[in-house]
Structure formats: structure tokens, C-alpha cells
Amino acid sequence: MTRYNTPFEIHVHGEVPLRATVSFEQLQEALKPLWKYAGSKSLAAGAASVYEEEPGIQFDAHKHLLQMCWTVPGDEDFRQALDEMCMGLNELAEIGAPIEVTFYDSDFNEE
């Protein structure tokens, strides 16, 4: 879904150690609320950040690590997608890990 005139840019940042048995398919399902929110049809399509310099959402299968440095335009309704994603990741995580979520005002201009 394309979002026009969204009040926020939402940045999600963190690293989540995953159990050794986690597959890409399981991770894609757990992260579905995020990539669906971004209007994508798969994790691969929705993993890119709106900023080229950010790596987006990456799964390192060798290290069993989910890395997120990902920005998406959105609104307050993002919180529901975030809650659903966290519930899905709980089942896949090896240990608890912080995920930082920052809402930036899209209309704010530093000048």
C-alpha cells in the first residue's frame, strides 16, 4: 500500500540473535507485518529502506542474526504492525534483544 502525506518517517534499528534452526521462511512470516505495512509482497521486496545508505532488513543465516536499519513512511498505525512483528520474533529469537523504533516528524525542517 502506498502511503501519501504520512506524518512520520519510522526508523527500526536492532540486531536479534535467532535460534540456529530458524529458516528464511519462518523469518519472513514473523516479519510479515513490517513488509506488508511497507506495501510489499515479500520480505525480499520490503527489506529495502527508503534511504539507500541504510542496509534495510537483513538475515545473516551463518551468524543466525537478524539485522535491521530500516526506514518506512507511516503513521501511528505502525504500532500495531510493530506489536505483531515482535510477537512473531519472540518465537524465533535465541535471546531477548532491544529493537529501537523512532518516529521522525516528516514535516519538520531544520532550517
C-alpha atoms as a PDB file:
ATOM      1  CA  MET A   1       0.000   0.000   0.000  1.00  0.00           C
ATOM      2  CA  THR A   2       1.415   3.368  -0.985  1.00  0.00           C
ATOM      3  CA  ARG A   3       1.262   5.952   1.751  1.00  0.00           C
ATOM      4  CA  TYR A   4       0.866   9.594   0.789  1.00  0.00           C
ATOM      5  CA  ASN A   5       1.269  12.521   3.179  1.00  0.00           C
ATOM      6  CA  THR A   6       2.383  10.354   6.064  1.00  0.00           C
ATOM      7  CA  PRO A   7       3.206  12.352   9.179  1.00  0.00           C
ATOM      8  CA  PHE A   8       6.223  10.223  10.145  1.00  0.00           C
ATOM      9  CA  GLU A   9       9.311   8.506   8.887  1.00  0.00           C
ATOM     10  CA  ILE A  10       9.658   5.463  11.120  1.00  0.00           C
ATOM     11  CA  HIS A  11      13.115   4.025  11.701  1.00  0.00           C
ATOM     12  CA  VAL A  12      13.554   0.497  13.077  1.00  0.00           C
ATOM     13  CA  HIS A  13      17.025  -0.448  14.307  1.00  0.00           C
ATOM     14  CA  GLY A  14      18.412  -3.505  16.060  1.00  0.00           C
ATOM     15  CA  GLU A  15      20.052  -6.911  15.944  1.00  0.00           C
ATOM     16  CA  VAL A  16      18.192 -10.020  17.038  1.00  0.00           C
ATOM     17  CA  PRO A  17      20.118 -13.279  17.594  1.00  0.00           C
ATOM     18  CA  LEU A  18      17.998 -16.101  16.169  1.00  0.00           C
ATOM     19  CA  ARG A  19      17.826 -19.783  17.043  1.00  0.00           C
ATOM     20  CA  ALA A  20      20.069 -21.902  14.791  1.00  0.00           C
ATOM     21  CA  THR A  21      17.058 -23.741  13.342  1.00  0.00           C
ATOM     22  CA  VAL A  22      15.286 -20.602  12.033  1.00  0.00           C
ATOM     23  CA  SER A  23      14.669 -20.636   8.289  1.00  0.00           C
ATOM     24  CA  PHE A  24      14.206 -17.694   5.957  1.00  0.00           C
ATOM     25  CA  GLU A  25      10.565 -18.709   5.503  1.00  0.00           C
ATOM     26  CA  GLN A  26       9.932 -18.546   9.256  1.00  0.00           C
ATOM     27  CA  LEU A  27      11.608 -15.156   9.479  1.00  0.00           C
ATOM     28  CA  GLN A  28       9.639 -13.871   6.508  1.00  0.00           C
ATOM     29  CA  GLU A  29       6.415 -14.887   8.241  1.00  0.00           C
ATOM     30  CA  ALA A  30       7.448 -13.273  11.546  1.00  0.00           C
ATOM     31  CA  LEU A  31       8.359 -10.023   9.774  1.00  0.00           C
ATOM     32  CA  LYS A  32       5.247 -10.048   7.593  1.00  0.00           C
ATOM     33  CA  PRO A  33       3.598  -7.170   9.481  1.00  0.00           C
ATOM     34  CA  LEU A  34       6.557  -4.928   8.577  1.00  0.00           C
ATOM     35  CA  TRP A  35       6.886  -5.748   4.890  1.00  0.00           C
ATOM     36  CA  LYS A  36       3.111  -5.725   4.428  1.00  0.00           C
ATOM     37  CA  TYR A  37       2.994  -2.303   6.105  1.00  0.00           C
ATOM     38  CA  ALA A  38       5.579  -1.111   3.581  1.00  0.00           C
ATOM     39  CA  GLY A  39       3.254  -2.287   0.797  1.00  0.00           C
ATOM     40  CA  SER A  40       5.413  -5.203  -0.343  1.00  0.00           C
ATOM     41  CA  LYS A  41       4.512  -8.751  -1.316  1.00  0.00           C
ATOM     42  CA  SER A  42       7.510 -10.423   0.344  1.00  0.00           C
ATOM     43  CA  LEU A  43      10.322  -9.801   2.789  1.00  0.00           C
ATOM     44  CA  ALA A  44      12.808  -9.604  -0.076  1.00  0.00           C
ATOM     45  CA  ALA A  45      10.753  -6.855  -1.714  1.00  0.00           C
ATOM     46  CA  GLY A  46      10.086  -4.974   1.521  1.00  0.00           C
ATOM     47  CA  ALA A  47      13.525  -5.263   3.122  1.00  0.00           C
ATOM     48  CA  ALA A  48      14.936  -2.145   1.485  1.00  0.00           C
ATOM     49  CA  SER A  49      14.846   1.090   3.444  1.00  0.00           C
ATOM     50  CA  VAL A  50      13.589   4.323   1.909  1.00  0.00           C
ATOM     51  CA  TYR A  51      17.188   5.550   2.317  1.00  0.00           C
ATOM     52  CA  GLU A  52      19.831   3.923   0.105  1.00  0.00           C
ATOM     53  CA  GLU A  53      22.549   4.332   2.750  1.00  0.00           C
ATOM     54  CA  GLU A  54      20.633   2.138   5.208  1.00  0.00           C
ATOM     55  CA  PRO A  55      21.074  -1.625   4.808  1.00  0.00           C
ATOM     56  CA  GLY A  56      17.382  -2.330   5.482  1.00  0.00           C
ATOM     57  CA  ILE A  57      16.326  -5.699   6.890  1.00  0.00           C
ATOM     58  CA  GLN A  58      18.951  -8.422   6.543  1.00  0.00           C
ATOM     59  CA  PHE A  59      19.112 -12.058   7.610  1.00  0.00           C
ATOM     60  CA  ASP A  60      22.606 -13.474   8.152  1.00  0.00           C
ATOM     61  CA  ALA A  61      21.968 -17.217   8.078  1.00  0.00           C
ATOM     62  CA  HIS A  62      25.562 -18.098   9.029  1.00  0.00           C
ATOM     63  CA  LYS A  63      25.537 -15.916  12.148  1.00  0.00           C
ATOM     64  CA  HIS A  64      21.834 -16.627  12.848  1.00  0.00           C
ATOM     65  CA  LEU A  65      21.263 -12.885  13.104  1.00  0.00           C
ATOM     66  CA  LEU A  66      18.509 -10.519  12.025  1.00  0.00           C
ATOM     67  CA  GLN A  67      19.846  -7.013  11.420  1.00  0.00           C
ATOM     68  CA  MET A  68      17.526  -4.044  10.951  1.00  0.00           C
ATOM     69  CA  CYS A  69      18.356  -0.499   9.940  1.00  0.00           C
ATOM     70  CA  TRP A  70      15.178   0.275   8.033  1.00  0.00           C
ATOM     71  CA  THR A  71      13.019   3.341   7.491  1.00  0.00           C
ATOM     72  CA  VAL A  72       9.454   3.436   6.182  1.00  0.00           C
ATOM     73  CA  PRO A  73       6.898   6.250   5.874  1.00  0.00           C
ATOM     74  CA  GLY A  74       3.947   5.779   8.191  1.00  0.00           C
ATOM     75  CA  ASP A  75       1.542   6.877  10.847  1.00  0.00           C
ATOM     76  CA  GLU A  76       0.565   5.923  14.397  1.00  0.00           C
ATOM     77  CA  ASP A  77      -0.966   2.717  12.996  1.00  0.00           C
ATOM     78  CA  PHE A  78       2.583   1.362  12.614  1.00  0.00           C
ATOM     79  CA  ARG A  79       2.487   0.437  16.300  1.00  0.00           C
ATOM     80  CA  GLN A  80       0.074  -2.431  15.551  1.00  0.00           C
ATOM     81  CA  ALA A  81       2.423  -3.846  12.891  1.00  0.00           C
ATOM     82  CA  LEU A  82       5.315  -3.486  15.320  1.00  0.00           C
ATOM     83  CA  ASP A  83       3.472  -5.366  18.080  1.00  0.00           C
ATOM     84  CA  GLU A  84       2.597  -8.206  15.696  1.00  0.00           C
ATOM     85  CA  MET A  85       6.176  -8.408  14.418  1.00  0.00           C
ATOM     86  CA  CYS A  86       7.577  -8.576  17.956  1.00  0.00           C
ATOM     87  CA  MET A  87       5.207 -11.398  18.859  1.00  0.00           C
ATOM     88  CA  GLY A  88       6.371 -13.354  15.814  1.00  0.00           C
ATOM     89  CA  LEU A  89      10.054 -12.707  16.537  1.00  0.00           C
ATOM     90  CA  ASN A  90       9.671 -13.888  20.148  1.00  0.00           C
ATOM     91  CA  GLU A  91       9.246 -17.427  18.859  1.00  0.00           C
ATOM     92  CA  LEU A  92      12.417 -17.235  16.730  1.00  0.00           C
ATOM     93  CA  ALA A  93      14.834 -15.312  18.953  1.00  0.00           C
ATOM     94  CA  GLU A  94      17.650 -17.073  20.778  1.00  0.00           C
ATOM     95  CA  ILE A  95      17.669 -14.384  23.481  1.00  0.00           C
ATOM     96  CA  GLY A  96      15.919 -11.090  24.095  1.00  0.00           C
ATOM     97  CA  ALA A  97      17.254  -8.123  22.158  1.00  0.00           C
ATOM     98  CA  PRO A  98      16.378  -4.432  22.041  1.00  0.00           C
ATOM     99  CA  ILE A  99      14.757  -3.022  18.931  1.00  0.00           C
ATOM    100  CA  GLU A 100      14.815   0.756  18.716  1.00  0.00           C
ATOM    101  CA  VAL A 101      11.893   2.426  16.938  1.00  0.00           C
ATOM    102  CA  THR A 102      11.986   6.150  16.242  1.00  0.00           C
ATOM    103  CA  PHE A 103       9.176   8.260  14.790  1.00  0.00           C
ATOM    104  CA  TYR A 104      10.506  11.304  12.918  1.00  0.00           C
ATOM    105  CA  ASP A 105       8.119  14.120  12.014  1.00  0.00           C
ATOM    106  CA  SER A 106       8.106  14.244   8.185  1.00  0.00           C
ATOM    107  CA  ASP A 107       7.171  17.926   8.130  1.00  0.00           C
ATOM    108  CA  PHE A 108       9.977  19.016  10.449  1.00  0.00           C
ATOM    109  CA  ASN A 109      12.564  21.130   8.689  1.00  0.00           C
ATOM    110  CA  GLU A 110      15.796  22.007  10.437  1.00  0.00           C
ATOM    111  CA  GLU A 111      16.131  25.309   8.581  1.00  0.00           C
END
